[in-house]
């Protein structure tokens, strides 16, 4: 998808250079680097920012999408290796928030693993971000020469009238020094710039994660999920059906032991639509976790979905608005959906689920899960 968003203009700054960092991007580093700078300013950061702080912020930004949602940042990106290396050594939980992770990384600054990974990112990212400012000067130069050229030119032309860079480097190259004019611009347009960067990052990630649903949501920790409608829907069914069994354990579900489970894990679908939800025993839900169920459960699941849908439509106990998930999935009215055969209904559910199950497995979710009775 081509960039259709424009950055706010400026009479004194070369905005075209900033905008061009998103053109023909082959990795995500520049997106994440800019987000880290914006986060620093959002949190009261000054013009001088240690590279260490920005690198740790970058790691905290990509931690959740990689560990929690299993998103790929591309073959050329080293983020996966960096994130998994830190997680493996320190046994950090997948859903740690940004502030907790940044604090942890700072506390362990100097650790050989963290320093190695930090230095790997710091070696090129801060310099290559400024490449659009010095396109002609860098043309034909080797990688070993580019950092030195960018370091020298960003310092020499820091206060140039026409092409001032966002920042220059301290003498020891461990700190960036933001230009005051750029600081004013970034702070003034903080919200727009953040949205612009996230929009471009989302487009980039979509290319590396084709067919992954709700990808934009997966750049952030999940909001608190509300399953009140789903609970009303399934409890109404269980109450009316009597002796309905859990599709995994084959044990009877009642209002005391019911739990609402995402058949395909929420970490993959990132939604609470009814056609992916199922009533199970509480202990089954806990045992299943974020695994992808075996296809042996699909027919029972789809048949259960059909019975529950008919119960909701025929009993008039469930508001039609709650059932909109089905009208969207089937692209039809509730009455028409209610009149189709069990086979057609089930086939549509299964046809929708099977490709997503395979995509989730390809992304690293554990597949072919089966319940084992104790």
Protein backbone atom coordinates (compact mmCIF):
# COMPACT_ATOMS: atom_id res chain seq x y z
CA UNK A 1 0.00 0.00 0.00
CA UNK A 2 1.42 3.38 -0.94
CA UNK A 3 1.75 6.12 1.59
CA UNK A 4 -1.35 8.31 1.35
CA UNK A 5 -0.70 10.38 4.45
CA UNK A 6 1.22 13.64 4.49
CA UNK A 7 3.23 15.08 7.34
CA UNK A 8 2.54 18.63 8.56
CA UNK A 9 4.56 21.14 6.56
CA UNK A 10 7.20 23.53 7.84
CA UNK A 11 8.78 26.66 6.37
CA UNK A 12 12.15 26.03 8.01
CA UNK A 13 12.58 22.24 8.17
CA UNK A 14 13.17 19.67 5.39
CA UNK A 15 10.03 17.64 6.08
CA UNK A 16 10.49 15.74 2.82
CA UNK A 17 13.57 14.08 4.37
CA UNK A 18 11.59 12.89 7.37
CA UNK A 19 8.76 11.67 5.17
CA UNK A 20 11.13 9.81 2.85
CA UNK A 21 12.42 7.52 5.60
CA UNK A 22 9.20 5.53 5.07
CA UNK A 23 9.78 5.03 1.34
CA UNK A 24 10.89 1.60 0.12
CA UNK A 25 11.59 0.45 3.67
CA UNK A 26 13.02 -3.08 3.86
CA UNK A 27 12.94 -3.37 7.66
CA UNK A 28 11.13 -1.85 10.61
CA UNK A 29 14.05 -0.18 12.40
CA UNK A 30 13.35 3.38 11.24
CA UNK A 31 9.70 3.15 12.29
CA UNK A 32 10.56 1.89 15.75
CA UNK A 33 13.44 4.37 16.15
CA UNK A 34 11.16 7.32 15.41
CA UNK A 35 8.50 5.97 17.78
CA UNK A 36 11.17 5.75 20.50
CA UNK A 37 12.17 9.40 19.93
CA UNK A 38 8.52 10.47 20.04
CA UNK A 39 7.97 8.46 23.22
CA UNK A 40 10.94 10.20 24.84
CA UNK A 41 9.52 13.63 24.03
CA UNK A 42 6.04 12.57 25.11
CA UNK A 43 7.43 11.57 28.49
CA UNK A 44 9.25 14.85 29.04
CA UNK A 45 12.54 13.94 27.42
CA UNK A 46 15.05 16.68 26.64
CA UNK A 47 17.12 17.44 23.55
CA UNK A 48 19.92 15.12 24.63
CA UNK A 49 18.86 11.47 24.65
CA UNK A 50 21.29 8.61 25.38
CA UNK A 51 21.25 5.97 22.65
CA UNK A 52 20.84 3.37 25.38
CA UNK A 53 17.49 4.85 26.40
CA UNK A 54 16.20 4.84 22.83
CA UNK A 55 17.38 1.29 22.18
CA UNK A 56 15.64 0.05 25.32
CA UNK A 57 12.52 1.92 24.26
CA UNK A 58 12.68 0.22 20.85
CA UNK A 59 12.91 -3.19 22.49
CA UNK A 60 9.92 -2.39 24.70
CA UNK A 61 7.87 -1.26 21.67
CA UNK A 62 8.36 -4.50 19.72
CA UNK A 63 8.29 -6.84 22.72
CA UNK A 64 4.53 -7.26 22.85
CA UNK A 65 3.87 -7.71 19.09
CA UNK A 66 6.61 -10.35 18.83
CA UNK A 67 6.10 -12.30 22.07
CA UNK A 68 2.37 -12.00 22.61
CA UNK A 69 1.06 -11.92 19.04
CA UNK A 70 3.89 -13.77 17.23
CA UNK A 71 4.14 -11.10 14.52
CA UNK A 72 7.01 -11.25 12.05
CA UNK A 73 9.04 -8.07 11.56
CA UNK A 74 10.65 -9.35 8.37
CA UNK A 75 13.55 -11.56 7.35
CA UNK A 76 16.10 -8.75 7.57
CA UNK A 77 15.04 -7.56 11.00
CA UNK A 78 16.98 -8.70 14.05
CA UNK A 79 14.21 -7.84 16.50
CA UNK A 80 13.01 -11.43 16.83
CA UNK A 81 16.48 -12.66 17.73
CA UNK A 82 17.00 -9.79 20.18
CA UNK A 83 13.64 -10.18 21.88
CA UNK A 84 13.82 -13.96 22.16
CA UNK A 85 17.41 -13.76 23.40
CA UNK A 86 16.44 -11.49 26.28
CA UNK A 87 13.27 -13.45 27.07
CA UNK A 88 15.12 -16.80 27.08
CA UNK A 89 17.89 -15.63 29.39
CA UNK A 90 15.78 -13.73 31.91
CA UNK A 91 12.49 -15.66 31.62
CA UNK A 92 10.49 -12.46 31.20
CA UNK A 93 6.74 -12.93 30.76
CA UNK A 94 5.20 -12.27 27.35
CA UNK A 95 2.79 -9.54 28.47
CA UNK A 96 5.19 -7.34 30.44
CA UNK A 97 4.33 -3.69 29.81
CA UNK A 98 6.69 -1.12 28.28
CA UNK A 99 7.56 0.75 31.46
CA UNK A 100 8.28 -2.47 33.39
CA UNK A 101 10.47 -3.83 30.60
CA UNK A 102 12.39 -0.57 30.15
CA UNK A 103 12.99 -0.45 33.90
CA UNK A 104 14.21 -4.04 33.87
CA UNK A 105 16.61 -3.40 30.98
CA UNK A 106 18.07 -0.36 32.74
CA UNK A 107 18.53 -2.33 35.95
CA UNK A 108 20.44 -4.98 34.02
CA UNK A 109 22.46 -2.57 31.93
CA UNK A 110 25.95 -4.02 31.62
CA UNK A 111 24.77 -7.60 31.30
CA UNK A 112 26.71 -9.22 28.47
CA UNK A 113 23.56 -10.40 26.66
CA UNK A 114 21.72 -7.09 26.90
CA UNK A 115 24.80 -5.09 25.98
CA UNK A 116 25.48 -7.27 22.96
CA UNK A 117 21.94 -6.93 21.68
CA UNK A 118 21.85 -3.21 22.48
CA UNK A 119 25.09 -2.56 20.62
CA UNK A 120 23.84 -4.54 17.64
CA UNK A 121 20.95 -2.10 17.22
CA UNK A 122 23.00 1.00 18.06
CA UNK A 123 25.64 0.19 15.46
CA UNK A 124 23.55 1.23 12.46
CA UNK A 125 19.97 2.33 13.25
CA UNK A 126 20.68 5.83 14.66
CA UNK A 127 22.94 6.65 11.71
CA UNK A 128 20.90 5.17 8.88
CA UNK A 129 17.81 7.02 10.04
CA UNK A 130 19.51 10.21 8.82
CA UNK A 131 20.35 8.77 5.39
CA UNK A 132 17.68 10.83 3.53
CA UNK A 133 19.49 14.02 4.58
CA UNK A 134 22.69 12.92 2.84
CA UNK A 135 21.60 10.85 -0.15
CA UNK A 136 24.18 12.27 -2.54
CA UNK A 137 27.02 12.07 -0.06
CA UNK A 138 26.27 8.40 0.71
CA UNK A 139 25.81 7.23 -2.86
CA UNK A 140 28.35 4.57 -3.74
CA UNK A 141 29.86 4.45 -0.27
CA UNK A 142 30.45 1.21 1.60
CA UNK A 143 28.59 0.40 4.79
CA UNK A 144 31.77 0.88 6.75
CA UNK A 145 32.01 4.47 5.49
CA UNK A 146 28.38 5.54 5.89
CA UNK A 147 28.30 5.92 9.68
CA UNK A 148 31.34 8.19 9.63
CA UNK A 149 29.88 10.31 6.82
CA UNK A 150 26.53 10.70 8.60
CA UNK A 151 28.24 11.48 11.88
CA UNK A 152 30.39 14.20 10.27
CA UNK A 153 27.68 15.79 8.11
CA UNK A 154 25.02 15.82 10.83
CA UNK A 155 27.44 17.75 13.03
CA UNK A 156 28.72 20.07 10.30
CA UNK A 157 25.28 21.04 9.02
CA UNK A 158 23.38 20.86 12.29
CA UNK A 159 22.41 24.52 12.06
CA UNK A 160 22.14 24.76 8.30
CA UNK A 161 19.22 26.83 7.07
CA UNK A 162 17.91 24.45 4.42
CA UNK A 163 18.81 20.91 5.44
CA UNK A 164 19.18 20.74 9.20
CA UNK A 165 19.00 17.14 10.48
CA UNK A 166 16.73 16.08 13.32
CA UNK A 167 19.76 15.36 15.48
CA UNK A 168 23.50 15.06 15.61
CA UNK A 169 25.69 12.80 17.75
CA UNK A 170 27.73 13.49 20.83
CA UNK A 171 31.48 13.10 20.43
CA UNK A 172 31.45 9.61 21.91
CA UNK A 173 28.43 8.69 19.74
CA UNK A 174 26.47 7.49 22.76
CA UNK A 175 23.92 10.30 22.73
CA UNK A 176 21.83 12.03 20.09
CA UNK A 177 21.28 15.77 20.36
CA UNK A 178 17.95 16.84 18.89
CA UNK A 179 17.82 20.18 17.11
CA UNK A 180 15.59 22.61 18.99
CA UNK A 181 13.62 23.46 15.83
CA UNK A 182 12.88 19.79 15.26
CA UNK A 183 11.95 19.32 18.91
CA UNK A 184 9.36 22.09 18.57
CA UNK A 185 7.98 20.50 15.40
CA UNK A 186 7.88 16.97 16.85
CA UNK A 187 6.15 18.07 20.05
CA UNK A 188 3.66 20.27 18.22
CA UNK A 189 2.65 17.42 15.91
CA UNK A 190 3.26 14.53 18.30
CA UNK A 191 -0.11 12.85 17.79
CA UNK A 192 -0.05 13.16 13.99
CA UNK A 193 3.54 11.93 13.75
CA UNK A 194 2.82 8.95 16.00
CA UNK A 195 -0.24 7.97 13.96
CA UNK A 196 1.71 8.48 10.72
CA UNK A 197 4.50 6.19 11.92
CA UNK A 198 2.14 3.52 13.23
CA UNK A 199 0.14 3.60 10.00
CA UNK A 200 3.27 3.02 7.94
CA UNK A 201 4.53 0.38 10.37
CA UNK A 202 1.19 -1.42 10.12
CA UNK A 203 1.41 -1.44 6.32
CA UNK A 204 4.96 -2.76 6.49
CA UNK A 205 4.01 -5.52 8.95
CA UNK A 206 0.98 -6.52 6.88
CA UNK A 207 3.35 -7.45 4.08
CA UNK A 208 5.25 -9.75 6.45
CA UNK A 209 2.11 -11.14 8.09
CA UNK A 210 -0.38 -11.68 5.25
CA UNK A 211 -3.92 -12.69 6.22
CA UNK A 212 -3.32 -11.98 9.91
CA UNK A 213 -6.53 -10.44 11.32
CA UNK A 214 -6.65 -7.14 13.23
CA UNK A 215 -2.95 -6.48 12.77
CA UNK A 216 -3.09 -2.80 13.77
CA UNK A 217 -4.46 -3.79 17.19
CA UNK A 218 -1.47 -6.05 17.69
CA UNK A 219 0.96 -3.16 17.88
CA UNK A 220 -0.32 -2.53 21.40
CA UNK A 221 -1.20 -4.50 24.54
CA UNK A 222 -4.83 -5.64 24.46
CA UNK A 223 -7.56 -3.58 26.02
CA UNK A 224 -9.59 -5.16 28.82
CA UNK A 225 -11.84 -7.64 27.10
CA UNK A 226 -15.56 -7.58 27.80
CA UNK A 227 -17.40 -10.84 27.27
CA UNK A 228 -20.69 -9.81 28.82
CA UNK A 229 -22.69 -10.36 25.61
CA UNK A 230 -20.97 -13.68 24.96
CA UNK A 231 -21.69 -14.84 28.50
CA UNK A 232 -25.34 -13.85 28.17
CA UNK A 233 -25.55 -15.65 24.82
CA UNK A 234 -23.97 -18.91 25.94
CA UNK A 235 -25.52 -19.02 29.41
CA UNK A 236 -28.95 -18.59 27.83
CA UNK A 237 -28.20 -21.53 25.57
CA UNK A 238 -26.82 -23.77 28.34
CA UNK A 239 -29.83 -22.97 30.52
CA UNK A 240 -32.29 -23.90 27.77
CA UNK A 241 -30.43 -26.81 26.19
CA UNK A 242 -29.78 -28.92 29.29
CA UNK A 243 -27.10 -31.62 29.30
CA UNK A 244 -24.99 -29.79 26.71
CA UNK A 245 -21.45 -31.16 26.65
CA UNK A 246 -18.09 -29.49 26.33
CA UNK A 247 -16.76 -30.28 22.84
CA UNK A 248 -13.29 -30.97 24.23
CA UNK A 249 -13.87 -32.93 27.44
CA UNK A 250 -17.31 -34.36 26.54
CA UNK A 251 -18.48 -33.53 30.06
CA UNK A 252 -21.76 -31.75 30.81
CA UNK A 253 -21.59 -27.97 31.15
CA UNK A 254 -23.77 -26.11 33.64
CA UNK A 255 -23.99 -22.53 34.87
CA UNK A 256 -21.59 -23.30 37.72
CA UNK A 257 -18.71 -24.74 35.69
CA UNK A 258 -19.03 -22.79 32.42
CA UNK A 259 -16.20 -20.74 30.96
CA UNK A 260 -16.15 -18.89 27.63
CA UNK A 261 -13.21 -19.90 25.44
CA UNK A 262 -11.86 -18.53 22.14
CA UNK A 263 -11.71 -21.59 19.87
CA UNK A 264 -8.87 -19.89 17.93
CA UNK A 265 -6.91 -18.01 20.62
CA UNK A 266 -7.58 -14.33 21.19
CA UNK A 267 -3.86 -13.69 20.72
CA UNK A 268 -4.36 -14.52 17.06
CA UNK A 269 -7.85 -13.24 16.21
CA UNK A 270 -7.79 -10.23 18.59
CA UNK A 271 -11.59 -10.09 18.73
CA UNK A 272 -14.50 -11.57 20.71
CA UNK A 273 -16.89 -12.46 17.89
CA UNK A 274 -19.46 -15.08 18.81
CA UNK A 275 -18.68 -17.49 15.98
CA UNK A 276 -15.23 -18.11 17.52
CA UNK A 277 -16.43 -18.45 21.10
CA UNK A 278 -17.46 -21.64 22.82
CA UNK A 279 -18.63 -22.73 26.28
CA UNK A 280 -16.20 -25.11 27.96
CA UNK A 281 -15.42 -26.32 31.46
CA UNK A 282 -13.28 -23.85 33.42
CA UNK A 283 -10.41 -26.31 33.79
CA UNK A 284 -10.50 -27.06 30.05
CA UNK A 285 -10.16 -23.36 29.24
CA UNK A 286 -7.16 -23.09 31.52
CA UNK A 287 -5.59 -26.25 30.10
CA UNK A 288 -6.10 -25.25 26.46
CA UNK A 289 -4.43 -21.86 26.82
CA UNK A 290 -3.34 -20.34 23.49
CA UNK A 291 -3.09 -23.61 21.59
CA UNK A 292 -4.87 -24.26 18.29
CA UNK A 293 -7.34 -27.16 18.67
CA UNK A 294 -7.12 -30.24 16.50
CA UNK A 295 -9.45 -30.34 13.50
CA UNK A 296 -11.17 -33.34 15.10
CA UNK A 297 -13.20 -30.84 17.14
CA UNK A 298 -14.40 -28.73 14.21
CA UNK A 299 -17.61 -30.60 13.43
CA UNK A 300 -18.74 -30.71 17.06
CA UNK A 301 -17.86 -27.04 17.44
CA UNK A 302 -19.77 -26.01 14.31
CA UNK A 303 -22.82 -28.09 15.28
CA UNK A 304 -22.80 -26.50 18.73
CA UNK A 305 -22.62 -23.08 17.13
CA UNK A 306 -25.69 -23.89 15.05
CA UNK A 307 -27.72 -25.10 18.02
CA UNK A 308 -26.82 -22.01 20.02
CA UNK A 309 -27.68 -19.70 17.14
CA UNK A 310 -31.10 -21.29 16.67
CA UNK A 311 -31.73 -21.04 20.41
CA UNK A 312 -30.94 -17.32 20.35
CA UNK A 313 -33.08 -16.60 17.27
CA UNK A 314 -36.06 -18.69 18.34
CA UNK A 315 -36.14 -17.83 22.03
CA UNK A 316 -36.10 -14.04 21.51
CA UNK A 317 -34.03 -13.79 24.68
CA UNK A 318 -31.00 -12.39 22.86
CA UNK A 319 -31.12 -8.97 21.23
CA UNK A 320 -30.53 -9.05 17.45
CA UNK A 321 -27.65 -6.59 17.82
CA UNK A 322 -25.67 -9.18 19.81
CA UNK A 323 -26.01 -11.58 16.86
CA UNK A 324 -24.52 -9.16 14.31
CA UNK A 325 -21.29 -11.22 14.27
CA UNK A 326 -23.21 -13.93 12.40
CA UNK A 327 -24.90 -11.57 9.94
CA UNK A 328 -21.45 -10.25 9.00
CA UNK A 329 -19.91 -13.71 8.72
CA UNK A 330 -22.76 -15.11 6.61
CA UNK A 331 -23.51 -11.81 4.85
CA UNK A 332 -27.22 -12.41 5.37
CA UNK A 333 -30.12 -11.62 7.67
CA UNK A 334 -30.75 -13.47 10.92
CA UNK A 335 -33.96 -14.98 9.56
CA UNK A 336 -32.24 -16.31 6.45
CA UNK A 337 -29.33 -17.69 8.45
CA UNK A 338 -31.77 -19.38 10.81
CA UNK A 339 -33.51 -21.13 7.91
CA UNK A 340 -30.43 -22.82 6.39
CA UNK A 341 -29.57 -26.42 7.17
CA UNK A 342 -27.23 -27.50 9.89
CA UNK A 343 -24.78 -28.69 7.23
CA UNK A 344 -24.66 -25.36 5.40
CA UNK A 345 -24.30 -23.47 8.65
CA UNK A 346 -21.55 -25.78 9.89
CA UNK A 347 -19.71 -25.75 6.58
CA UNK A 348 -19.59 -21.94 6.65
CA UNK A 349 -18.19 -21.91 10.19
CA UNK A 350 -15.55 -24.52 9.38
CA UNK A 351 -14.62 -22.83 6.09
CA UNK A 352 -13.98 -19.64 8.03
CA UNK A 353 -11.96 -21.29 10.81
CA UNK A 354 -9.65 -23.71 9.00
CA UNK A 355 -7.52 -21.16 7.09
CA UNK A 356 -7.07 -19.06 10.23
CA UNK A 357 -6.03 -22.12 12.22
CA UNK A 358 -3.32 -22.91 9.67
CA UNK A 359 -2.09 -19.30 9.51
CA UNK A 360 -1.86 -19.21 13.31
CA UNK A 361 0.17 -22.42 13.31
CA UNK A 362 2.45 -21.00 10.63
CA UNK A 363 3.04 -18.00 12.89
CA UNK A 364 4.20 -20.17 15.75
CA UNK A 365 1.05 -21.02 17.68
CA UNK A 366 1.07 -24.63 18.82
CA UNK A 367 -1.36 -26.71 16.75
CA UNK A 368 -3.26 -29.98 16.94
CA UNK A 369 -4.12 -29.52 20.61
CA UNK A 370 -6.25 -32.27 22.14
CA UNK A 371 -7.78 -32.47 25.57
CA UNK A 372 -6.55 -35.29 27.78
CA UNK A 373 -8.63 -36.33 30.75
CA UNK A 374 -6.65 -36.63 34.01
